[in-house]
């Protein structure tokens, strides 16, 4: 093996390790955030777990969360309106509700 090839392989190995470490930290943060959201929205999810309007919004909720709120699908909008109509005292953001829908 040429010395240059060995250096490139070592650098790739270090980059992969750093990337994996960063990924683990990010997923831990996301997991903690989702856990907090799920705890805070237990009342919503327990009543919505069998709700067809809410369950059909899961794909739109995933797009909404992944795009940080930029992509708002029709089914998600319907589910958000439905949840707010059935839970008028609820104080949760659209993002919190979308994350709770994903947790169902």
N, C-alpha and C. Protein backbone atom coordinates (compact mmCIF):
# COMPACT_ATOMS: atom_id res chain seq x y z
N UNK A 1 0.85 -1.17 0.00
CA UNK A 1 0.00 0.00 0.00
C UNK A 1 0.90 1.23 0.00
N UNK A 2 0.56 2.20 -0.80
CA UNK A 2 1.34 3.42 -0.89
C UNK A 2 1.11 4.27 0.35
N UNK A 3 2.12 5.05 0.76
CA UNK A 3 1.96 5.89 1.95
C UNK A 3 0.80 6.87 1.83
N UNK A 4 0.58 7.42 0.66
CA UNK A 4 -0.51 8.38 0.48
C UNK A 4 -1.86 7.69 0.71
N UNK A 5 -2.00 6.47 0.21
CA UNK A 5 -3.24 5.73 0.41
C UNK A 5 -3.49 5.47 1.88
N UNK A 6 -2.44 5.16 2.61
CA UNK A 6 -2.57 4.91 4.04
C UNK A 6 -3.02 6.18 4.77
N UNK A 7 -2.48 7.32 4.38
CA UNK A 7 -2.87 8.59 5.00
C UNK A 7 -4.34 8.89 4.72
N UNK A 8 -4.76 8.68 3.49
CA UNK A 8 -6.15 8.92 3.11
C UNK A 8 -7.08 8.01 3.92
N UNK A 9 -6.74 6.73 4.05
CA UNK A 9 -7.56 5.80 4.82
C UNK A 9 -7.64 6.22 6.29
N UNK A 10 -6.52 6.67 6.85
CA UNK A 10 -6.52 7.13 8.24
C UNK A 10 -7.41 8.35 8.41
N UNK A 11 -7.31 9.30 7.47
CA UNK A 11 -8.14 10.50 7.56
C UNK A 11 -9.62 10.15 7.44
N UNK A 12 -9.94 9.23 6.54
CA UNK A 12 -11.33 8.80 6.41
C UNK A 12 -11.83 8.13 7.69
N UNK A 13 -10.96 7.35 8.32
CA UNK A 13 -11.32 6.70 9.57
C UNK A 13 -11.60 7.72 10.66
N UNK A 14 -10.75 8.74 10.77
CA UNK A 14 -10.97 9.79 11.76
C UNK A 14 -12.25 10.57 11.48
N UNK A 15 -12.50 10.86 10.21
CA UNK A 15 -13.70 11.60 9.84
C UNK A 15 -14.95 10.78 10.16
N UNK A 16 -14.88 9.48 9.91
CA UNK A 16 -16.03 8.63 10.22
C UNK A 16 -16.29 8.58 11.71
N UNK A 17 -15.24 8.49 12.51
CA UNK A 17 -15.39 8.45 13.95
C UNK A 17 -15.99 9.75 14.47
N UNK A 18 -15.51 10.88 13.94
CA UNK A 18 -16.05 12.17 14.36
C UNK A 18 -17.50 12.31 13.95
N UNK A 19 -17.81 11.85 12.75
CA UNK A 19 -19.17 11.92 12.26
C UNK A 19 -20.10 11.06 13.11
N UNK A 20 -19.67 9.86 13.46
CA UNK A 20 -20.48 8.98 14.29
C UNK A 20 -20.70 9.59 15.66
N UNK A 21 -19.66 10.19 16.22
CA UNK A 21 -19.78 10.82 17.53
C UNK A 21 -20.78 11.96 17.47
N UNK A 22 -20.71 12.76 16.42
CA UNK A 22 -21.64 13.87 16.24
C UNK A 22 -23.06 13.35 16.07
N UNK A 23 -23.20 12.28 15.33
CA UNK A 23 -24.52 11.69 15.08
C UNK A 23 -25.14 11.20 16.39
N UNK A 24 -24.34 10.55 17.22
CA UNK A 24 -24.84 10.04 18.50
C UNK A 24 -25.30 11.20 19.37
N UNK A 25 -24.51 12.28 19.43
CA UNK A 25 -24.89 13.44 20.22
C UNK A 25 -26.17 14.06 19.72
N UNK A 26 -26.31 14.14 18.41
CA UNK A 26 -27.52 14.71 17.82
C UNK A 26 -28.73 13.84 18.10
N UNK A 27 -28.59 12.53 17.95
CA UNK A 27 -29.73 11.66 18.19
C UNK A 27 -30.11 11.65 19.66
N UNK A 28 -29.12 11.78 20.56
CA UNK A 28 -29.44 11.87 21.99
C UNK A 28 -30.26 13.12 22.26
N UNK A 29 -29.87 14.23 21.65
CA UNK A 29 -30.59 15.49 21.83
C UNK A 29 -32.01 15.39 21.29
N UNK A 30 -32.14 14.81 20.10
CA UNK A 30 -33.46 14.64 19.49
C UNK A 30 -34.31 13.71 20.35
N UNK A 31 -33.72 12.63 20.82
CA UNK A 31 -34.45 11.70 21.68
C UNK A 31 -34.96 12.36 22.94
N UNK A 32 -34.11 13.17 23.57
CA UNK A 32 -34.52 13.88 24.79
C UNK A 32 -35.64 14.86 24.49
N UNK A 33 -35.52 15.54 23.36
CA UNK A 33 -36.55 16.50 22.96
C UNK A 33 -37.89 15.80 22.73
N UNK A 34 -37.84 14.67 22.04
CA UNK A 34 -39.07 13.93 21.78
C UNK A 34 -39.66 13.38 23.08
N UNK A 35 -38.81 12.94 23.98
CA UNK A 35 -39.31 12.43 25.25
C UNK A 35 -40.05 13.53 26.01
N UNK A 36 -39.47 14.73 26.01
CA UNK A 36 -40.13 15.85 26.68
C UNK A 36 -41.44 16.20 26.00
N UNK A 37 -41.45 16.17 24.69
CA UNK A 37 -42.67 16.48 23.94
C UNK A 37 -43.74 15.44 24.22
N UNK A 38 -43.34 14.18 24.22
CA UNK A 38 -44.30 13.11 24.45
C UNK A 38 -44.87 13.22 25.86
N UNK A 39 -44.02 13.50 26.85
CA UNK A 39 -44.51 13.65 28.21
C UNK A 39 -45.50 14.81 28.30
N UNK A 40 -45.19 15.90 27.62
CA UNK A 40 -46.03 17.09 27.68
C UNK A 40 -47.32 16.97 26.90
N UNK A 41 -47.38 16.00 26.02
CA UNK A 41 -48.57 15.87 25.18
C UNK A 41 -49.24 14.51 25.35
N UNK A 42 -49.07 13.90 26.50
CA UNK A 42 -49.65 12.58 26.75
C UNK A 42 -51.16 12.60 26.60
N UNK A 43 -51.80 13.64 27.08
CA UNK A 43 -53.26 13.72 26.96
C UNK A 43 -53.70 13.73 25.50
N UNK A 44 -52.94 14.42 24.67
CA UNK A 44 -53.28 14.49 23.25
C UNK A 44 -53.13 13.12 22.61
N UNK A 45 -51.97 12.51 22.82
CA UNK A 45 -51.69 11.26 22.12
C UNK A 45 -52.57 10.13 22.62
N UNK A 46 -52.92 10.14 23.90
CA UNK A 46 -53.75 9.05 24.40
C UNK A 46 -55.14 9.10 23.76
N UNK A 47 -55.66 10.29 23.55
CA UNK A 47 -56.98 10.39 22.92
C UNK A 47 -56.88 10.34 21.40
N UNK A 48 -55.73 10.68 20.84
CA UNK A 48 -55.58 10.74 19.39
C UNK A 48 -55.02 9.46 18.80
N UNK A 49 -54.56 8.55 19.63
CA UNK A 49 -53.90 7.34 19.14
C UNK A 49 -54.78 6.51 18.21
N UNK A 50 -56.07 6.59 18.38
CA UNK A 50 -56.99 5.83 17.53
C UNK A 50 -57.77 6.73 16.59
N UNK A 51 -57.39 7.98 16.51
CA UNK A 51 -58.11 8.96 15.69
C UNK A 51 -57.60 8.90 14.26
N UNK A 52 -58.48 8.60 13.33
CA UNK A 52 -58.10 8.42 11.93
C UNK A 52 -57.49 9.69 11.34
N UNK A 53 -58.04 10.85 11.64
CA UNK A 53 -57.52 12.12 11.10
C UNK A 53 -56.08 12.33 11.54
N UNK A 54 -55.81 12.03 12.81
CA UNK A 54 -54.47 12.23 13.35
C UNK A 54 -53.50 11.19 12.79
N UNK A 55 -53.91 9.94 12.76
CA UNK A 55 -53.04 8.89 12.26
C UNK A 55 -52.68 9.08 10.78
N UNK A 56 -53.62 9.59 10.00
CA UNK A 56 -53.34 9.81 8.58
C UNK A 56 -52.37 10.97 8.35
N UNK A 57 -52.10 11.75 9.39
CA UNK A 57 -51.21 12.91 9.26
C UNK A 57 -49.76 12.58 9.57
N UNK A 58 -49.44 11.34 9.86
CA UNK A 58 -48.07 11.00 10.28
C UNK A 58 -47.03 11.34 9.22
N UNK A 59 -47.31 11.06 7.97
CA UNK A 59 -46.33 11.36 6.91
C UNK A 59 -46.12 12.87 6.80
N UNK A 60 -47.22 13.61 6.83
CA UNK A 60 -47.11 15.08 6.78
C UNK A 60 -46.38 15.61 8.02
N UNK A 61 -46.63 15.00 9.17
CA UNK A 61 -45.96 15.42 10.40
C UNK A 61 -44.46 15.17 10.29
N UNK A 62 -44.07 14.06 9.69
CA UNK A 62 -42.65 13.76 9.50
C UNK A 62 -42.00 14.80 8.60
N UNK A 63 -42.68 15.17 7.53
CA UNK A 63 -42.15 16.19 6.62
C UNK A 63 -42.03 17.54 7.32
N UNK A 64 -43.02 17.86 8.13
CA UNK A 64 -43.03 19.12 8.87
C UNK A 64 -41.85 19.19 9.84
N UNK A 65 -41.66 18.12 10.60
CA UNK A 65 -40.56 18.09 11.57
C UNK A 65 -39.21 18.11 10.86
N UNK A 66 -39.08 17.30 9.82
CA UNK A 66 -37.80 17.23 9.09
C UNK A 66 -37.43 18.55 8.43
N UNK A 67 -38.43 19.31 8.02
CA UNK A 67 -38.16 20.59 7.34
C UNK A 67 -38.17 21.76 8.33
N UNK A 68 -38.22 21.46 9.61
CA UNK A 68 -38.27 22.48 10.67
C UNK A 68 -39.43 23.44 10.48
N UNK A 69 -40.56 22.88 10.08
CA UNK A 69 -41.78 23.67 9.97
C UNK A 69 -42.03 24.31 8.62
N UNK A 70 -41.19 24.04 7.65
CA UNK A 70 -41.35 24.66 6.32
C UNK A 70 -42.41 23.95 5.48
N UNK A 71 -42.51 22.65 5.60
CA UNK A 71 -43.45 21.87 4.78
C UNK A 71 -44.68 21.56 5.62
N UNK A 72 -45.81 22.11 5.20
CA UNK A 72 -47.06 21.93 5.93
C UNK A 72 -48.06 21.23 5.02
N UNK A 73 -48.24 19.93 5.24
CA UNK A 73 -49.16 19.16 4.41
C UNK A 73 -50.61 19.35 4.82
N UNK A 74 -51.50 19.04 3.91
CA UNK A 74 -52.94 19.19 4.13
C UNK A 74 -53.41 18.30 5.28
N UNK A 75 -52.92 17.08 5.34
CA UNK A 75 -53.35 16.16 6.40
C UNK A 75 -52.86 16.62 7.77
N UNK A 76 -51.67 17.18 7.82
CA UNK A 76 -51.18 17.72 9.09
C UNK A 76 -52.03 18.90 9.53
N UNK A 77 -52.35 19.78 8.61
CA UNK A 77 -53.20 20.93 8.95
C UNK A 77 -54.55 20.46 9.48
N UNK A 78 -55.12 19.45 8.85
CA UNK A 78 -56.41 18.91 9.30
C UNK A 78 -56.28 18.33 10.70
N UNK A 79 -55.19 17.61 10.94
CA UNK A 79 -54.98 17.00 12.26
C UNK A 79 -54.76 18.07 13.33
N UNK A 80 -53.99 19.10 13.02
CA UNK A 80 -53.75 20.17 13.99
C UNK A 80 -55.06 20.87 14.33
N UNK A 81 -55.85 21.16 13.32
CA UNK A 81 -57.16 21.80 13.56
C UNK A 81 -58.06 20.89 14.39
N UNK A 82 -58.05 19.61 14.06
CA UNK A 82 -58.88 18.63 14.78
C UNK A 82 -58.45 18.53 16.25
N UNK A 83 -57.16 18.44 16.48
CA UNK A 83 -56.65 18.34 17.86
C UNK A 83 -57.02 19.59 18.65
N UNK A 84 -56.83 20.74 18.05
CA UNK A 84 -57.14 21.99 18.76
C UNK A 84 -58.65 22.15 19.00
N UNK A 85 -59.46 21.63 18.08
CA UNK A 85 -60.92 21.70 18.27
C UNK A 85 -61.37 20.77 19.40
N UNK A 86 -60.74 19.63 19.52
CA UNK A 86 -61.13 18.68 20.56
C UNK A 86 -60.44 18.93 21.89
N UNK A 87 -59.36 19.70 21.87
CA UNK A 87 -58.59 20.03 23.08
C UNK A 87 -58.42 21.55 23.17
N UNK A 88 -59.47 22.31 23.39
CA UNK A 88 -59.40 23.77 23.32
C UNK A 88 -58.45 24.43 24.33
N UNK A 89 -58.17 23.76 25.42
CA UNK A 89 -57.26 24.34 26.42
C UNK A 89 -55.80 23.99 26.19
N UNK A 90 -55.55 23.25 25.15
CA UNK A 90 -54.20 22.80 24.85
C UNK A 90 -53.30 23.98 24.47
N UNK A 91 -52.13 24.02 25.07
CA UNK A 91 -51.14 25.04 24.74
C UNK A 91 -49.89 24.35 24.23
N UNK A 92 -49.90 23.96 22.96
CA UNK A 92 -48.76 23.29 22.34
C UNK A 92 -48.53 23.91 20.98
N UNK A 93 -47.28 24.00 20.59
CA UNK A 93 -46.95 24.54 19.27
C UNK A 93 -47.26 23.50 18.20
N UNK A 94 -47.28 23.96 16.96
CA UNK A 94 -47.48 23.03 15.84
C UNK A 94 -46.37 21.98 15.83
N UNK A 95 -45.14 22.40 16.13
CA UNK A 95 -44.01 21.47 16.13
C UNK A 95 -44.19 20.42 17.22
N UNK A 96 -44.60 20.82 18.40
CA UNK A 96 -44.83 19.86 19.49
C UNK A 96 -45.93 18.87 19.12
N UNK A 97 -46.96 19.34 18.50
CA UNK A 97 -48.05 18.45 18.09
C UNK A 97 -47.59 17.49 16.99
N UNK A 98 -46.83 18.01 16.04
CA UNK A 98 -46.33 17.15 14.96
C UNK A 98 -45.42 16.07 15.53
N UNK A 99 -44.57 16.43 16.49
CA UNK A 99 -43.70 15.43 17.12
C UNK A 99 -44.52 14.42 17.89
N UNK A 100 -45.58 14.87 18.54
CA UNK A 100 -46.44 13.94 19.28
C UNK A 100 -47.16 12.99 18.32
N UNK A 101 -47.57 13.49 17.17
CA UNK A 101 -48.21 12.64 16.16
C UNK A 101 -47.23 11.57 15.71
N UNK A 102 -45.98 11.94 15.52
CA UNK A 102 -44.97 10.96 15.11
C UNK A 102 -44.71 9.91 16.19
N UNK A 103 -44.91 10.29 17.43
CA UNK A 103 -44.66 9.37 18.54
C UNK A 103 -45.78 8.35 18.73
N UNK A 104 -46.89 8.52 18.03
CA UNK A 104 -48.02 7.59 18.18
C UNK A 104 -47.66 6.21 17.68
